[in-house]
Structure formats: C-alpha cells, structure tokens
Amino acid sequence: MSDLLNKKCVPCEGGVLPFDVSEIHKYQKKVDGWDVSKNDNEIFYLKKKIEFKNFLESQTFINKVAEISESEGHHPDISFGWGYAEIKITTHAIEGLSENDFILAAKIDQLINV
C-alpha cells in the first residue's frame, strides 16, 4: 500500500482506457478490504463499508475523507449514518477504475488504520 500512499491522483478527462480485470486484481491487493463491484451499466467501482460506534464518529471520518478527496481532486460517492459510512470510488470520466481510485482508497485506509 505504501507505494500508493506516495502517489497523487492525476486529473482524468477521459481518453484513456479503464483497468481491465487483471489490472484491477493486481491493484486490489494493494488496498485493504475494498470490494470490486459493477453497477447496472457494467462499470467497475471500489466499495467499502466501515462501522463506527455512533453518528459523530461516522461524520468525523467522512469529513476527513472529504479533505483527502479535495486535496487529491478525486471524489468518491459517500453515504453515512448512525454507526456506518459507505464509500464507492470510480473514475467517472473513463467509466471504470484507474490508478487514481486505488490511490484514494489507500489514503482512506490510512485514516481507518491509524
């Protein structure tokens, strides 16, 4: 994971191919506990649900994720409530996964593993 932590998300305006399944599996080994799923349009995304003791812990965590996302210029879909947060990451511009998604996932993992 440390190699991803040292990287920065690069702007993606499209024009590049999303990772294929073998690249996804290679990178998935570098992050902790992220599931790979497909949406209704067959677009791959990373997903992780994190549990907390209460609403305030969930909100505090999400605020930290927002700060990281802003600094990386890469923004996940987030839902949260009492005792949980769920994060979905994909690169919308290429309709799939890229290295940026795994960089962001690794940096989010670092918040959890502190």
C-alpha atoms as a PDB file:
ATOM      1  CA  MET A   1       0.000   0.000   0.000  1.00  0.00           C
ATOM      2  CA  SER A   2       2.853   2.424   0.742  1.00  0.00           C
ATOM      3  CA  ASP A   3       3.637   2.936  -2.941  1.00  0.00           C
ATOM      4  CA  LEU A   4       0.063   4.186  -3.473  1.00  0.00           C
ATOM      5  CA  LEU A   5       0.277   6.467  -0.435  1.00  0.00           C
ATOM      6  CA  ASN A   6       3.247   8.242  -2.001  1.00  0.00           C
ATOM      7  CA  LYS A   7       1.361   8.962  -5.223  1.00  0.00           C
ATOM      8  CA  LYS A   8      -1.033  11.773  -6.074  1.00  0.00           C
ATOM      9  CA  CYS A   9      -4.194  11.434  -8.130  1.00  0.00           C
ATOM     10  CA  VAL A  10      -3.771  12.897 -11.592  1.00  0.00           C
ATOM     11  CA  PRO A  11      -6.612  14.701 -13.357  1.00  0.00           C
ATOM     12  CA  CYS A  12      -8.514  12.447 -15.734  1.00  0.00           C
ATOM     13  CA  GLU A  13     -10.581  13.954 -18.511  1.00  0.00           C
ATOM     14  CA  GLY A  14     -11.135  10.647 -20.275  1.00  0.00           C
ATOM     15  CA  GLY A  15      -9.378   9.392 -23.364  1.00  0.00           C
ATOM     16  CA  VAL A  16      -7.684   6.531 -21.515  1.00  0.00           C
ATOM     17  CA  LEU A  17      -8.953   3.021 -21.006  1.00  0.00           C
ATOM     18  CA  PRO A  18     -10.163   1.853 -17.608  1.00  0.00           C
ATOM     19  CA  PHE A  19      -8.294  -1.002 -15.947  1.00  0.00           C
ATOM     20  CA  ASP A  20      -9.118  -4.480 -17.184  1.00  0.00           C
ATOM     21  CA  VAL A  21      -9.900  -7.260 -14.695  1.00  0.00           C
ATOM     22  CA  SER A  22      -6.262  -8.351 -14.333  1.00  0.00           C
ATOM     23  CA  GLU A  23      -5.116  -4.791 -13.514  1.00  0.00           C
ATOM     24  CA  ILE A  24      -7.986  -4.413 -11.064  1.00  0.00           C
ATOM     25  CA  HIS A  25      -6.961  -7.591  -9.227  1.00  0.00           C
ATOM     26  CA  LYS A  26      -3.310  -6.504  -9.174  1.00  0.00           C
ATOM     27  CA  TYR A  27      -4.185  -3.173  -7.575  1.00  0.00           C
ATOM     28  CA  GLN A  28      -6.864  -4.620  -5.282  1.00  0.00           C
ATOM     29  CA  LYS A  29      -4.078  -6.478  -3.458  1.00  0.00           C
ATOM     30  CA  LYS A  30      -2.551  -3.106  -2.555  1.00  0.00           C
ATOM     31  CA  VAL A  31      -5.590  -1.842  -0.597  1.00  0.00           C
ATOM     32  CA  ASP A  32      -7.241  -3.226   2.498  1.00  0.00           C
ATOM     33  CA  GLY A  33     -10.691  -4.792   2.294  1.00  0.00           C
ATOM     34  CA  TRP A  34     -12.146  -2.961  -0.696  1.00  0.00           C
ATOM     35  CA  ASP A  35     -14.660  -4.932  -2.736  1.00  0.00           C
ATOM     36  CA  VAL A  36     -14.837  -4.581  -6.504  1.00  0.00           C
ATOM     37  CA  SER A  37     -18.354  -4.466  -7.924  1.00  0.00           C
ATOM     38  CA  LYS A  38     -20.142  -3.461 -11.115  1.00  0.00           C
ATOM     39  CA  ASN A  39     -23.084  -1.104 -11.335  1.00  0.00           C
ATOM     40  CA  ASP A  40     -26.119  -1.569 -13.590  1.00  0.00           C
ATOM     41  CA  ASN A  41     -24.124  -0.153 -16.523  1.00  0.00           C
ATOM     42  CA  GLU A  42     -21.335  -2.750 -16.011  1.00  0.00           C
ATOM     43  CA  ILE A  43     -18.930  -0.085 -14.691  1.00  0.00           C
ATOM     44  CA  PHE A  44     -16.469  -1.316 -12.064  1.00  0.00           C
ATOM     45  CA  TYR A  45     -16.119   0.525  -8.766  1.00  0.00           C
ATOM     46  CA  LEU A  46     -14.473   0.045  -5.371  1.00  0.00           C
ATOM     47  CA  LYS A  47     -16.724  -0.208  -2.337  1.00  0.00           C
ATOM     48  CA  LYS A  48     -16.086  -0.328   1.389  1.00  0.00           C
ATOM     49  CA  LYS A  49     -18.353  -0.121   4.423  1.00  0.00           C
ATOM     50  CA  ILE A  50     -16.838   0.996   7.711  1.00  0.00           C
ATOM     51  CA  GLU A  51     -18.593   0.694  11.062  1.00  0.00           C
ATOM     52  CA  PHE A  52     -18.353   3.173  13.926  1.00  0.00           C
ATOM     53  CA  LYS A  53     -19.673   3.462  17.485  1.00  0.00           C
ATOM     54  CA  ASN A  54     -22.034   6.350  16.745  1.00  0.00           C
ATOM     55  CA  PHE A  55     -23.109   9.057  14.319  1.00  0.00           C
ATOM     56  CA  LEU A  56     -20.450  11.571  15.349  1.00  0.00           C
ATOM     57  CA  GLU A  57     -17.610   9.119  14.638  1.00  0.00           C
ATOM     58  CA  SER A  58     -19.112   8.421  11.197  1.00  0.00           C
ATOM     59  CA  GLN A  59     -19.400  12.132  10.440  1.00  0.00           C
ATOM     60  CA  THR A  60     -15.872  12.878  11.662  1.00  0.00           C
ATOM     61  CA  PHE A  61     -14.498  10.136   9.429  1.00  0.00           C
ATOM     62  CA  ILE A  62     -16.449  11.373   6.398  1.00  0.00           C
ATOM     63  CA  ASN A  63     -15.160  14.915   6.951  1.00  0.00           C
ATOM     64  CA  LYS A  64     -11.591  13.567   6.870  1.00  0.00           C
ATOM     65  CA  VAL A  65     -12.369  11.617   3.683  1.00  0.00           C
ATOM     66  CA  ALA A  66     -13.716  14.848   2.168  1.00  0.00           C
ATOM     67  CA  GLU A  67     -10.464  16.673   2.978  1.00  0.00           C
ATOM     68  CA  ILE A  68      -8.372  13.949   1.344  1.00  0.00           C
ATOM     69  CA  SER A  69     -10.687  13.850  -1.667  1.00  0.00           C
ATOM     70  CA  GLU A  70     -10.416  17.600  -2.169  1.00  0.00           C
ATOM     71  CA  SER A  71      -6.630  17.552  -1.893  1.00  0.00           C
ATOM     72  CA  GLU A  72      -6.461  14.695  -4.421  1.00  0.00           C
ATOM     73  CA  GLY A  73      -9.067  16.182  -6.750  1.00  0.00           C
ATOM     74  CA  HIS A  74     -10.831  12.811  -6.825  1.00  0.00           C
ATOM     75  CA  HIS A  75     -14.228  12.474  -5.197  1.00  0.00           C
ATOM     76  CA  PRO A  76     -15.983   9.284  -4.067  1.00  0.00           C
ATOM     77  CA  ASP A  77     -19.680   8.688  -3.583  1.00  0.00           C
ATOM     78  CA  ILE A  78     -20.350   8.623   0.150  1.00  0.00           C
ATOM     79  CA  SER A  79     -23.299   7.612   2.274  1.00  0.00           C
ATOM     80  CA  PHE A  80     -23.259   7.545   6.043  1.00  0.00           C
ATOM     81  CA  GLY A  81     -25.454   7.456   9.088  1.00  0.00           C
ATOM     82  CA  TRP A  82     -25.518   6.269  12.661  1.00  0.00           C
ATOM     83  CA  GLY A  83     -22.547   3.951  13.081  1.00  0.00           C
ATOM     84  CA  TYR A  84     -21.544   3.471   9.439  1.00  0.00           C
ATOM     85  CA  ALA A  85     -20.026   5.002   6.343  1.00  0.00           C
ATOM     86  CA  GLU A  86     -20.053   3.519   2.864  1.00  0.00           C
ATOM     87  CA  ILE A  87     -17.675   4.709   0.182  1.00  0.00           C
ATOM     88  CA  LYS A  88     -17.770   3.982  -3.552  1.00  0.00           C
ATOM     89  CA  ILE A  89     -14.915   5.030  -5.806  1.00  0.00           C
ATOM     90  CA  THR A  90     -14.681   5.004  -9.600  1.00  0.00           C
ATOM     91  CA  THR A  91     -13.299   7.251 -12.311  1.00  0.00           C
ATOM     92  CA  HIS A  92     -16.432   8.630 -13.933  1.00  0.00           C
ATOM     93  CA  ALA A  93     -14.588  10.175 -16.891  1.00  0.00           C
ATOM     94  CA  ILE A  94     -13.461   6.729 -18.121  1.00  0.00           C
ATOM     95  CA  GLU A  95     -16.396   4.734 -16.740  1.00  0.00           C
ATOM     96  CA  GLY A  96     -14.227   2.371 -14.748  1.00  0.00           C
ATOM     97  CA  LEU A  97     -11.313   2.013 -12.403  1.00  0.00           C
ATOM     98  CA  SER A  98      -7.928   3.694 -12.711  1.00  0.00           C
ATOM     99  CA  GLU A  99      -4.877   4.028 -10.505  1.00  0.00           C
ATOM    100  CA  ASN A 100      -6.460   7.179  -9.010  1.00  0.00           C
ATOM    101  CA  ASP A 101      -9.194   5.080  -7.426  1.00  0.00           C
ATOM    102  CA  PHE A 102      -6.702   2.858  -5.663  1.00  0.00           C
ATOM    103  CA  ILE A 103      -4.594   5.832  -4.550  1.00  0.00           C
ATOM    104  CA  LEU A 104      -7.669   7.359  -2.921  1.00  0.00           C
ATOM    105  CA  ALA A 105      -8.662   4.014  -1.374  1.00  0.00           C
ATOM    106  CA  ALA A 106      -5.179   3.612   0.137  1.00  0.00           C
ATOM    107  CA  LYS A 107      -5.308   7.101   1.622  1.00  0.00           C
ATOM    108  CA  ILE A 108      -8.763   6.407   3.084  1.00  0.00           C
ATOM    109  CA  ASP A 109      -7.431   3.143   4.534  1.00  0.00           C
ATOM    110  CA  GLN A 110      -4.714   5.107   6.275  1.00  0.00           C
ATOM    111  CA  LEU A 111      -7.435   7.010   8.176  1.00  0.00           C
ATOM    112  CA  ILE A 112      -9.003   3.744   9.320  1.00  0.00           C
ATOM    113  CA  ASN A 113      -5.742   2.084  10.323  1.00  0.00           C
ATOM    114  CA  VAL A 114      -4.462   4.967  12.477  1.00  0.00           C
END
